[in-house]
Structure formats: C-alpha cells, structure tokens
Amino acid sequence: MIIFRYDKTFDGLLTVVFDAYNRKIFPDRLLAEGEPEPLFTDECYSVITQDYKSNRVWQGLQKKLMAATCNMLKYVWLSEQPGSDELIFRYIRKVFDSKHSIEINFADEDVLQVRNLANKADKERLRLVQFVRFQKAADDIFFAPVSPVYNVLPLAIEHFADRFADQKWVIYDLKRNYGYYYDKKNVTEMTLDMTENFPGGKLDTKLMAEDEKLFQDLWKGYFNSMTIKERINPKLHRQNLPRRFWKYLTEKQ
C-alpha cells in the first residue's frame, strides 16, 4: 500500500495530484501528518503544499471541466466527509486519464458520489442563507451564530456581503470555531473566544443594543399573529425547517 501525507488543505490535495503524476506513483491512501499508517504500508511520501503545483492542476481541471463541475469539487471538499479527499483524488485522476468527459458518467461510482455529496453541501448552503438570524450588538455590529452540518460558510459569505452591504456583521461557525467579519468594505476571516460573552453561542444580553430585545419581541409577536393554528403541520414544518436550526431562530425562542 502506498501512502501520501499532506496538510489536509485543498491546495495540498491538488499538490498531491501534481506530485503523483510527476513521480508516476499513485497513493492508495491519503493521510495527514501524524496519522497512523495502515499495517501493510509499502511506501510513504510526504507532500509539501506548493502554490505553483496546485495552480497547475487547477488550471488543468478548468480546461477539462465545466466551471460548475470545478465548483462541485470544492463543495465535496467542504463537506468534510471521511474519505472525501480520496474521492476527489480518484475523480481528478479519471478526469486527466480519460480522453472523454466523465462529468455525466453517473455509471461511475466516483462521479455519482461527487455529484450527490456536492448537492448535499449546496443544499446546506441554501439553508444557511435562509435561516441565519442576526442580533444587533451595542457597537452596531450584527452577530449571527451558525453550526451547519457541512463547512459551507465560505460558500455563503458572498451572498451576505451583497445582501447586507450597508451593515457591519459577524457570522460565526460555532461547530468549527471560525467566522467572517464584514466592515462594509472587506470580509475577513476571524476567530472568537466564545466562552465569555456568547452563552449558548448567542450574544450576551449585556452586549445587545438597547433596541435589540424590543425588535426580537416584535418579531416573535408578528410570527405568532401570522400563524394559523388550524393549518399547523409539524411534520412538514420540521421537513422545511430542520430542528437543528431552531436554537438560533428568534421566533422559536
């Protein structure tokens, strides 16, 4: 068994592809540094991420694949599912080794898995866009906690920067402990100490703007007044609005 070790970044994975073709040695497993090797390991190589190598591979993919398919590979990477990097590696290898396009060859298990996993990540991105709720802090910065199943926050940030271009805001992924700050001009990745001022992942009451609590109460009242009790369908409601989002929704508190 041949093992390649790399830094578990997307650019690192593309560098793995470059090195594999350069050496004409293709890995059976991809591991992070420090991960234990399988029992029967024949060779093990360490790959150092290099931009010019990853760029070469990405440019090659852009020539052979549609832009939507290239995006699918990024979505699969951000799904963070076990073995997703090995799936992407196998897919890329098939792209380069085939004389014909493999993009719609869904008889191939890897092509089908890439499509399905990318669709799941994209669905989670859409839910993130739909169900984010901001809380206004005393310094006029709007804060929104999220914890998506997949690491799709980077895919949704452009939407929020366009939609809320006139406001300062922070959207923070509690599950992965990172987020993005928008200052009306630029988006910056950031981390916060969530242990003090964010009980339960929400903005502490003492940090809220004076009118935030009022607006939350008004929104809850509007939500309740618009509800037609005779038409409540809990099963359909949970299907359209998964319960895992409820803890961040003002109207559900």
C-alpha atoms as a PDB file:
ATOM      1  CA  MET A   1       0.000   0.000   0.000  1.00  0.00           C
ATOM      2  CA  ILE A   2       1.281   3.448  -0.981  1.00  0.00           C
ATOM      3  CA  ILE A   3       0.629   6.360   1.376  1.00  0.00           C
ATOM      4  CA  PHE A   4       0.842  10.096   0.683  1.00  0.00           C
ATOM      5  CA  ARG A   5       0.837  12.503   3.639  1.00  0.00           C
ATOM      6  CA  TYR A   6      -0.214  16.133   3.212  1.00  0.00           C
ATOM      7  CA  ASP A   7      -1.532  19.096   5.202  1.00  0.00           C
ATOM      8  CA  LYS A   8      -5.245  18.366   4.612  1.00  0.00           C
ATOM      9  CA  THR A   9      -5.887  21.568   2.666  1.00  0.00           C
ATOM     10  CA  PHE A  10      -7.492  21.789  -0.771  1.00  0.00           C
ATOM     11  CA  ASP A  11      -4.300  23.252  -2.258  1.00  0.00           C
ATOM     12  CA  GLY A  12      -2.414  20.454  -0.561  1.00  0.00           C
ATOM     13  CA  LEU A  13      -4.659  17.890  -2.230  1.00  0.00           C
ATOM     14  CA  LEU A  14      -4.040  19.472  -5.642  1.00  0.00           C
ATOM     15  CA  THR A  15      -0.314  19.346  -4.898  1.00  0.00           C
ATOM     16  CA  VAL A  16      -0.705  15.625  -4.138  1.00  0.00           C
ATOM     17  CA  VAL A  17      -2.189  15.179  -7.615  1.00  0.00           C
ATOM     18  CA  PHE A  18       0.755  17.040  -9.186  1.00  0.00           C
ATOM     19  CA  ASP A  19       3.363  15.022  -7.273  1.00  0.00           C
ATOM     20  CA  ALA A  20       1.627  11.717  -8.022  1.00  0.00           C
ATOM     21  CA  TYR A  21       1.742  12.329 -11.772  1.00  0.00           C
ATOM     22  CA  ASN A  22       5.259  13.736 -11.553  1.00  0.00           C
ATOM     23  CA  ARG A  23       6.524  10.645  -9.722  1.00  0.00           C
ATOM     24  CA  LYS A  24       4.203   8.269 -11.605  1.00  0.00           C
ATOM     25  CA  ILE A  25       3.292   6.829  -8.207  1.00  0.00           C
ATOM     26  CA  PHE A  26      -0.330   6.959  -7.131  1.00  0.00           C
ATOM     27  CA  PRO A  27      -1.418   6.653  -3.488  1.00  0.00           C
ATOM     28  CA  ASP A  28      -3.888   4.132  -2.130  1.00  0.00           C
ATOM     29  CA  ARG A  29      -4.486   6.278   0.960  1.00  0.00           C
ATOM     30  CA  LEU A  30      -4.136   9.968   1.822  1.00  0.00           C
ATOM     31  CA  LEU A  31      -3.222  10.767   5.415  1.00  0.00           C
ATOM     32  CA  ALA A  32      -2.470  13.828   7.490  1.00  0.00           C
ATOM     33  CA  GLU A  33       0.886  14.220   9.166  1.00  0.00           C
ATOM     34  CA  GLY A  34       0.845  12.235  12.387  1.00  0.00           C
ATOM     35  CA  GLU A  35      -1.958   9.881  11.379  1.00  0.00           C
ATOM     36  CA  PRO A  36      -1.037   6.218  11.982  1.00  0.00           C
ATOM     37  CA  GLU A  37      -0.135   4.228   8.909  1.00  0.00           C
ATOM     38  CA  PRO A  38      -2.086   1.115   7.923  1.00  0.00           C
ATOM     39  CA  LEU A  39      -0.487  -2.176   8.872  1.00  0.00           C
ATOM     40  CA  PHE A  40       0.702  -3.144   5.392  1.00  0.00           C
ATOM     41  CA  THR A  41       2.377   0.019   4.084  1.00  0.00           C
ATOM     42  CA  ASP A  42       4.945  -0.371   1.306  1.00  0.00           C
ATOM     43  CA  GLU A  43       5.869   3.266   0.650  1.00  0.00           C
ATOM     44  CA  CYS A  44       5.078   6.577   2.323  1.00  0.00           C
ATOM     45  CA  TYR A  45       5.669  10.035   0.829  1.00  0.00           C
ATOM     46  CA  SER A  46       5.276  13.467   2.415  1.00  0.00           C
ATOM     47  CA  VAL A  47       3.864  16.163   0.129  1.00  0.00           C
ATOM     48  CA  ILE A  48       4.674  19.839   0.736  1.00  0.00           C
ATOM     49  CA  THR A  49       1.943  22.180  -0.481  1.00  0.00           C
ATOM     50  CA  GLN A  50       3.215  24.493  -3.215  1.00  0.00           C
ATOM     51  CA  ASP A  51       1.094  27.099  -4.955  1.00  0.00           C
ATOM     52  CA  TYR A  52       2.543  26.688  -8.432  1.00  0.00           C
ATOM     53  CA  LYS A  53       1.797  22.973  -8.363  1.00  0.00           C
ATOM     54  CA  SER A  54      -1.765  23.360  -7.103  1.00  0.00           C
ATOM     55  CA  ASN A  55      -2.393  26.156  -9.621  1.00  0.00           C
ATOM     56  CA  ARG A  56      -1.151  23.953 -12.476  1.00  0.00           C
ATOM     57  CA  VAL A  57      -3.547  21.193 -11.508  1.00  0.00           C
ATOM     58  CA  TRP A  58      -6.474  23.571 -11.044  1.00  0.00           C
ATOM     59  CA  GLN A  59      -5.859  25.222 -14.403  1.00  0.00           C
ATOM     60  CA  GLY A  60      -5.762  21.782 -15.996  1.00  0.00           C
ATOM     61  CA  LEU A  61      -9.116  20.919 -14.425  1.00  0.00           C
ATOM     62  CA  GLN A  62     -10.640  24.193 -15.621  1.00  0.00           C
ATOM     63  CA  LYS A  63      -9.664  23.287 -19.187  1.00  0.00           C
ATOM     64  CA  LYS A  64     -11.275  19.845 -18.997  1.00  0.00           C
ATOM     65  CA  LEU A  65     -14.317  20.535 -16.790  1.00  0.00           C
ATOM     66  CA  MET A  66     -17.190  22.980 -16.747  1.00  0.00           C
ATOM     67  CA  ALA A  67     -17.000  25.717 -14.111  1.00  0.00           C
ATOM     68  CA  ALA A  68     -19.959  24.150 -12.269  1.00  0.00           C
ATOM     69  CA  THR A  69     -18.111  20.837 -12.014  1.00  0.00           C
ATOM     70  CA  CYS A  70     -14.979  22.525 -10.649  1.00  0.00           C
ATOM     71  CA  ASN A  71     -17.199  24.137  -8.026  1.00  0.00           C
ATOM     72  CA  MET A  72     -18.608  20.708  -7.195  1.00  0.00           C
ATOM     73  CA  LEU A  73     -15.127  19.525  -6.238  1.00  0.00           C
ATOM     74  CA  LYS A  74     -14.829  22.441  -3.804  1.00  0.00           C
ATOM     75  CA  TYR A  75     -18.232  21.602  -2.365  1.00  0.00           C
ATOM     76  CA  VAL A  76     -17.176  17.988  -1.835  1.00  0.00           C
ATOM     77  CA  TRP A  77     -14.028  19.184  -0.078  1.00  0.00           C
ATOM     78  CA  LEU A  78     -16.035  21.465   2.229  1.00  0.00           C
ATOM     79  CA  SER A  79     -18.379  18.602   3.078  1.00  0.00           C
ATOM     80  CA  GLU A  80     -15.560  17.310   5.328  1.00  0.00           C
ATOM     81  CA  GLN A  81     -16.883  13.776   4.961  1.00  0.00           C
ATOM     82  CA  PRO A  82     -14.479  10.894   5.741  1.00  0.00           C
ATOM     83  CA  GLY A  83     -12.629   9.898   2.591  1.00  0.00           C
ATOM     84  CA  SER A  84     -13.815  12.915   0.602  1.00  0.00           C
ATOM     85  CA  ASP A  85     -10.222  13.852  -0.262  1.00  0.00           C
ATOM     86  CA  GLU A  86      -9.568  10.372  -1.651  1.00  0.00           C
ATOM     87  CA  LEU A  87     -12.829  10.609  -3.611  1.00  0.00           C
ATOM     88  CA  ILE A  88     -11.724  13.918  -5.144  1.00  0.00           C
ATOM     89  CA  PHE A  89      -8.301  12.472  -5.934  1.00  0.00           C
ATOM     90  CA  ARG A  90      -9.842   9.498  -7.767  1.00  0.00           C
ATOM     91  CA  TYR A  91     -12.198  11.823  -9.638  1.00  0.00           C
ATOM     92  CA  ILE A  92      -9.386  14.153 -10.743  1.00  0.00           C
ATOM     93  CA  ARG A  93      -7.292  11.220 -11.872  1.00  0.00           C
ATOM     94  CA  LYS A  94     -10.163   9.943 -14.009  1.00  0.00           C
ATOM     95  CA  VAL A  95     -10.588  13.417 -15.498  1.00  0.00           C
ATOM     96  CA  PHE A  96      -6.957  13.580 -16.582  1.00  0.00           C
ATOM     97  CA  ASP A  97      -6.686   9.958 -17.703  1.00  0.00           C
ATOM     98  CA  SER A  98      -9.863   9.895 -19.792  1.00  0.00           C
ATOM     99  CA  LYS A  99      -9.987  11.075 -23.388  1.00  0.00           C
ATOM    100  CA  HIS A 100     -13.658  11.930 -22.972  1.00  0.00           C
ATOM    101  CA  SER A 101     -15.587  13.931 -20.417  1.00  0.00           C
ATOM    102  CA  ILE A 102     -16.616  11.970 -17.332  1.00  0.00           C
ATOM    103  CA  GLU A 103     -18.869  14.699 -15.901  1.00  0.00           C
ATOM    104  CA  ILE A 104     -22.179  12.949 -16.642  1.00  0.00           C
ATOM    105  CA  ASN A 105     -20.954   9.364 -16.483  1.00  0.00           C
ATOM    106  CA  PHE A 106     -23.081   8.521 -13.452  1.00  0.00           C
ATOM    107  CA  ALA A 107     -22.497   4.817 -14.015  1.00  0.00           C
ATOM    108  CA  ASP A 108     -19.107   5.536 -12.445  1.00  0.00           C
ATOM    109  CA  GLU A 109     -19.460   5.320  -8.661  1.00  0.00           C
ATOM    110  CA  ASP A 110     -16.975   8.142  -8.004  1.00  0.00           C
ATOM    111  CA  VAL A 111     -18.724  10.524 -10.421  1.00  0.00           C
ATOM    112  CA  LEU A 112     -22.063   9.740  -8.796  1.00  0.00           C
ATOM    113  CA  GLN A 113     -20.687  10.235  -5.287  1.00  0.00           C
ATOM    114  CA  VAL A 114     -19.139  13.598  -6.197  1.00  0.00           C
ATOM    115  CA  ARG A 115     -22.452  14.803  -7.641  1.00  0.00           C
ATOM    116  CA  ASN A 116     -24.508  13.594  -4.675  1.00  0.00           C
ATOM    117  CA  LEU A 117     -22.164  14.916  -1.991  1.00  0.00           C
ATOM    118  CA  ALA A 118     -21.844  18.292  -3.746  1.00  0.00           C
ATOM    119  CA  ASN A 119     -25.649  18.529  -3.919  1.00  0.00           C
ATOM    120  CA  LYS A 120     -25.917  17.868  -0.173  1.00  0.00           C
ATOM    121  CA  ALA A 121     -23.368  20.597   0.579  1.00  0.00           C
ATOM    122  CA  ASP A 122     -25.166  23.013  -1.744  1.00  0.00           C
ATOM    123  CA  LYS A 123     -28.484  22.293  -0.018  1.00  0.00           C
ATOM    124  CA  GLU A 124     -26.868  23.081   3.331  1.00  0.00           C
ATOM    125  CA  ARG A 125     -25.525  26.339   1.855  1.00  0.00           C
ATOM    126  CA  LEU A 126     -29.048  27.344   0.838  1.00  0.00           C
ATOM    127  CA  ARG A 127     -30.367  26.546   4.309  1.00  0.00           C
ATOM    128  CA  LEU A 128     -27.642  28.682   5.822  1.00  0.00           C
ATOM    129  CA  VAL A 129     -28.721  31.597   3.657  1.00  0.00           C
ATOM    130  CA  GLN A 130     -32.370  31.086   4.603  1.00  0.00           C
ATOM    131  CA  PHE A 131     -32.094  30.550   8.347  1.00  0.00           C
ATOM    132  CA  VAL A 132     -29.381  32.937   9.562  1.00  0.00           C
ATOM    133  CA  ARG A 133     -30.667  35.334  12.227  1.00  0.00           C
ATOM    134  CA  PHE A 134     -28.663  38.401  13.283  1.00  0.00           C
ATOM    135  CA  GLN A 135     -28.552  40.015  16.714  1.00  0.00           C
ATOM    136  CA  LYS A 136     -27.551  43.670  16.980  1.00  0.00           C
ATOM    137  CA  ALA A 137     -24.731  44.440  19.408  1.00  0.00           C
ATOM    138  CA  ALA A 138     -24.239  47.718  21.268  1.00  0.00           C
ATOM    139  CA  ASP A 139     -21.439  48.696  18.861  1.00  0.00           C
ATOM    140  CA  ASP A 140     -23.847  48.357  15.898  1.00  0.00           C
ATOM    141  CA  ILE A 141     -22.257  45.129  14.681  1.00  0.00           C
ATOM    142  CA  PHE A 142     -24.739  42.376  13.821  1.00  0.00           C
ATOM    143  CA  PHE A 143     -23.824  38.912  15.095  1.00  0.00           C
ATOM    144  CA  ALA A 144     -25.164  35.581  13.784  1.00  0.00           C
ATOM    145  CA  PRO A 145     -24.166  32.156  15.131  1.00  0.00           C
ATOM    146  CA  VAL A 146     -24.412  29.099  12.847  1.00  0.00           C
ATOM    147  CA  SER A 147     -23.410  25.444  13.013  1.00  0.00           C
ATOM    148  CA  PRO A 148     -24.021  23.848   9.602  1.00  0.00           C
ATOM    149  CA  VAL A 149     -23.591  20.120   9.038  1.00  0.00           C
ATOM    150  CA  TYR A 150     -21.034  20.821   6.315  1.00  0.00           C
ATOM    151  CA  ASN A 151     -18.398  23.543   6.252  1.00  0.00           C
ATOM    152  CA  VAL A 152     -20.388  25.709   3.834  1.00  0.00           C
ATOM    153  CA  LEU A 153     -19.990  29.133   5.440  1.00  0.00           C
ATOM    154  CA  PRO A 154     -17.300  30.175   2.884  1.00  0.00           C
ATOM    155  CA  LEU A 155     -19.794  29.377   0.100  1.00  0.00           C
ATOM    156  CA  ALA A 156     -22.463  31.691   1.543  1.00  0.00           C
ATOM    157  CA  ILE A 157     -20.335  34.693   2.528  1.00  0.00           C
ATOM    158  CA  GLU A 158     -20.560  36.385  -0.879  1.00  0.00           C
ATOM    159  CA  HIS A 159     -24.355  36.369  -0.593  1.00  0.00           C
ATOM    160  CA  PHE A 160     -24.289  38.083   2.809  1.00  0.00           C
ATOM    161  CA  ALA A 161     -21.730  40.651   1.657  1.00  0.00           C
ATOM    162  CA  ASP A 162     -24.080  41.593  -1.201  1.00  0.00           C
ATOM    163  CA  ARG A 163     -27.315  41.356   0.771  1.00  0.00           C
ATOM    164  CA  PHE A 164     -26.112  43.281   3.834  1.00  0.00           C
ATOM    165  CA  ALA A 165     -23.541  45.549   2.226  1.00  0.00           C
ATOM    166  CA  ASP A 166     -24.521  48.566   4.333  1.00  0.00           C
ATOM    167  CA  GLN A 167     -24.042  46.883   7.722  1.00  0.00           C
ATOM    168  CA  LYS A 168     -21.159  45.589   9.788  1.00  0.00           C
ATOM    169  CA  TRP A 169     -21.675  41.954  10.714  1.00  0.00           C
ATOM    170  CA  VAL A 170     -20.082  38.778  12.014  1.00  0.00           C
ATOM    171  CA  ILE A 171     -21.259  35.306  11.017  1.00  0.00           C
ATOM    172  CA  TYR A 172     -19.634  32.690  13.215  1.00  0.00           C
ATOM    173  CA  ASP A 173     -19.493  28.902  12.787  1.00  0.00           C
ATOM    174  CA  LEU A 174     -19.663  27.577  16.349  1.00  0.00           C
ATOM    175  CA  LYS A 175     -19.043  23.998  15.261  1.00  0.00           C
ATOM    176  CA  ARG A 176     -15.691  24.832  13.645  1.00  0.00           C
ATOM    177  CA  ASN A 177     -14.801  27.885  15.743  1.00  0.00           C
ATOM    178  CA  TYR A 178     -14.223  30.421  12.984  1.00  0.00           C
ATOM    179  CA  GLY A 179     -16.238  33.078  11.219  1.00  0.00           C
ATOM    180  CA  TYR A 180     -16.176  36.145   8.999  1.00  0.00           C
ATOM    181  CA  TYR A 181     -16.309  39.855   9.820  1.00  0.00           C
ATOM    182  CA  TYR A 182     -17.603  42.359   7.266  1.00  0.00           C
ATOM    183  CA  ASP A 183     -16.742  46.045   7.779  1.00  0.00           C
ATOM    184  CA  LYS A 184     -18.850  47.414   4.866  1.00  0.00           C
ATOM    185  CA  LYS A 185     -15.884  47.016   2.554  1.00  0.00           C
ATOM    186  CA  ASN A 186     -13.976  43.792   3.144  1.00  0.00           C
ATOM    187  CA  VAL A 187     -14.668  40.329   4.520  1.00  0.00           C
ATOM    188  CA  THR A 188     -12.068  38.995   6.968  1.00  0.00           C
ATOM    189  CA  GLU A 189     -11.837  35.524   8.470  1.00  0.00           C
ATOM    190  CA  MET A 190     -11.649  35.583  12.268  1.00  0.00           C
ATOM    191  CA  THR A 191     -11.863  33.555  15.487  1.00  0.00           C
ATOM    192  CA  LEU A 192     -13.505  34.493  18.799  1.00  0.00           C
ATOM    193  CA  ASP A 193     -13.327  33.380  22.410  1.00  0.00           C
ATOM    194  CA  MET A 194     -16.866  32.018  22.733  1.00  0.00           C
ATOM    195  CA  THR A 195     -16.624  31.112  26.420  1.00  0.00           C
ATOM    196  CA  GLU A 196     -17.410  34.532  27.916  1.00  0.00           C
ATOM    197  CA  ASN A 197     -19.718  36.837  26.004  1.00  0.00           C
ATOM    198  CA  PHE A 198     -21.607  34.260  23.956  1.00  0.00           C
ATOM    199  CA  PRO A 199     -23.557  31.951  26.292  1.00  0.00           C
ATOM    200  CA  GLY A 200     -25.065  29.101  24.335  1.00  0.00           C
ATOM    201  CA  GLY A 201     -23.500  30.546  21.212  1.00  0.00           C
ATOM    202  CA  LYS A 202     -25.687  33.662  21.359  1.00  0.00           C
ATOM    203  CA  LEU A 203     -24.909  37.276  22.087  1.00  0.00           C
ATOM    204  CA  ASP A 204     -24.976  38.025  25.806  1.00  0.00           C
ATOM    205  CA  THR A 205     -27.876  40.300  26.778  1.00  0.00           C
ATOM    206  CA  LYS A 206     -25.497  42.911  28.237  1.00  0.00           C
ATOM    207  CA  LEU A 207     -23.786  43.245  24.850  1.00  0.00           C
ATOM    208  CA  MET A 208     -27.003  43.765  22.886  1.00  0.00           C
ATOM    209  CA  ALA A 209     -28.086  47.121  21.501  1.00  0.00           C
ATOM    210  CA  GLU A 210     -30.794  48.831  23.541  1.00  0.00           C
ATOM    211  CA  ASP A 211     -33.474  48.210  20.915  1.00  0.00           C
ATOM    212  CA  GLU A 212     -32.454  44.621  20.036  1.00  0.00           C
ATOM    213  CA  LYS A 213     -34.630  42.992  22.701  1.00  0.00           C
ATOM    214  CA  LEU A 214     -37.581  45.141  21.584  1.00  0.00           C
ATOM    215  CA  PHE A 215     -37.175  44.099  17.946  1.00  0.00           C
ATOM    216  CA  GLN A 216     -36.911  40.433  18.972  1.00  0.00           C
ATOM    217  CA  ASP A 217     -40.189  40.707  20.899  1.00  0.00           C
ATOM    218  CA  LEU A 218     -41.859  42.454  17.965  1.00  0.00           C
ATOM    219  CA  TRP A 219     -40.678  39.734  15.575  1.00  0.00           C
ATOM    220  CA  LYS A 220     -41.983  36.990  17.884  1.00  0.00           C
ATOM    221  CA  GLY A 221     -45.335  38.767  18.105  1.00  0.00           C
ATOM    222  CA  TYR A 222     -45.524  39.095  14.316  1.00  0.00           C
ATOM    223  CA  PHE A 223     -44.636  35.434  13.877  1.00  0.00           C
ATOM    224  CA  ASN A 224     -47.311  34.310  16.352  1.00  0.00           C
ATOM    225  CA  SER A 225     -50.003  36.580  14.911  1.00  0.00           C
ATOM    226  CA  MET A 226     -49.379  35.255  11.388  1.00  0.00           C
ATOM    227  CA  THR A 227     -49.627  31.616  12.457  1.00  0.00           C
ATOM    228  CA  ILE A 228     -52.882  29.868  11.523  1.00  0.00           C
ATOM    229  CA  LYS A 229     -53.217  27.225  14.220  1.00  0.00           C
ATOM    230  CA  GLU A 230     -55.684  25.117  12.212  1.00  0.00           C
ATOM    231  CA  ARG A 231     -53.110  24.700   9.443  1.00  0.00           C
ATOM    232  CA  ILE A 232     -50.110  23.765  11.574  1.00  0.00           C
ATOM    233  CA  ASN A 233     -48.343  20.696  10.158  1.00  0.00           C
ATOM    234  CA  PRO A 234     -45.438  19.771  12.479  1.00  0.00           C
ATOM    235  CA  LYS A 235     -44.046  17.077  10.179  1.00  0.00           C
ATOM    236  CA  LEU A 236     -43.921  19.383   7.143  1.00  0.00           C
ATOM    237  CA  HIS A 237     -42.613  22.198   9.317  1.00  0.00           C
ATOM    238  CA  ARG A 238     -39.660  20.119  10.518  1.00  0.00           C
ATOM    239  CA  GLN A 239     -39.005  18.989   6.952  1.00  0.00           C
ATOM    240  CA  ASN A 240     -38.804  22.561   5.636  1.00  0.00           C
ATOM    241  CA  LEU A 241     -37.168  23.979   8.756  1.00  0.00           C
ATOM    242  CA  PRO A 242     -34.916  21.333  10.396  1.00  0.00           C
ATOM    243  CA  ARG A 243     -34.989  21.374  14.188  1.00  0.00           C
ATOM    244  CA  ARG A 244     -31.209  21.883  14.426  1.00  0.00           C
ATOM    245  CA  PHE A 245     -31.722  25.493  13.235  1.00  0.00           C
ATOM    246  CA  TRP A 246     -34.373  26.334  15.810  1.00  0.00           C
ATOM    247  CA  LYS A 247     -31.961  27.291  18.601  1.00  0.00           C
ATOM    248  CA  TYR A 248     -30.742  30.236  16.511  1.00  0.00           C
ATOM    249  CA  LEU A 249     -34.158  31.468  15.328  1.00  0.00           C
ATOM    250  CA  THR A 250     -35.620  34.375  17.306  1.00  0.00           C
ATOM    251  CA  GLU A 251     -39.190  33.261  16.553  1.00  0.00           C
ATOM    252  CA  LYS A 252     -38.512  29.820  18.065  1.00  0.00           C
ATOM    253  CA  GLN A 253     -37.298  31.048  21.448  1.00  0.00           C
END
